[in-house]
Every structure is written in structure tokens, then in C-alpha cells.
Amino acid sequence: MLDVPLGVNTETVTLVWLIGALEHARAQGQTRLLTCLEAVLDDLLFEMESAARRSPNFVEGSRP
């Protein structure tokens, strides 16, 4: 379980952890783990973009 400081978004903490895990797997040559983590990242980015499109403030062509 991640320790999340007060006032910090858990999604942000999770994304930072995922990026760190990707960097570590890449540095260690752990290709199977890297493949799995990249798939998780792809799903996460898809969900973030989908949520942004549903947002009333969404502007076409912008990134979340």
C-alpha cells in the first residue's frame, strides 16, 4: 500500500509509482515486467483521456 501524504491525489501518487516501476524494470532489463507495466500505463492513459472527454471543460485537441 502506498502512503499518500495529506492533500495529494492518490491517482498522482499511483502514476508516479508506475513511472518509477517502468524505469526500474527498463534499467534491470526485466522485459516481461516492462511489457506488463506498459500495458497498465496504456490502459491508465486511455482512462484518463476518456475521463477528460467526459469533463464539461474538455476542449477538442487538448491533452489531459
Foldseek 3Di string as FASTA:
>chain_A
DDDDDPPDDPVVVVVVVLVVVLVVCVVVVVVVVNVVSVVVVVVVLVVQQVVLVVDPPRDPPDGD
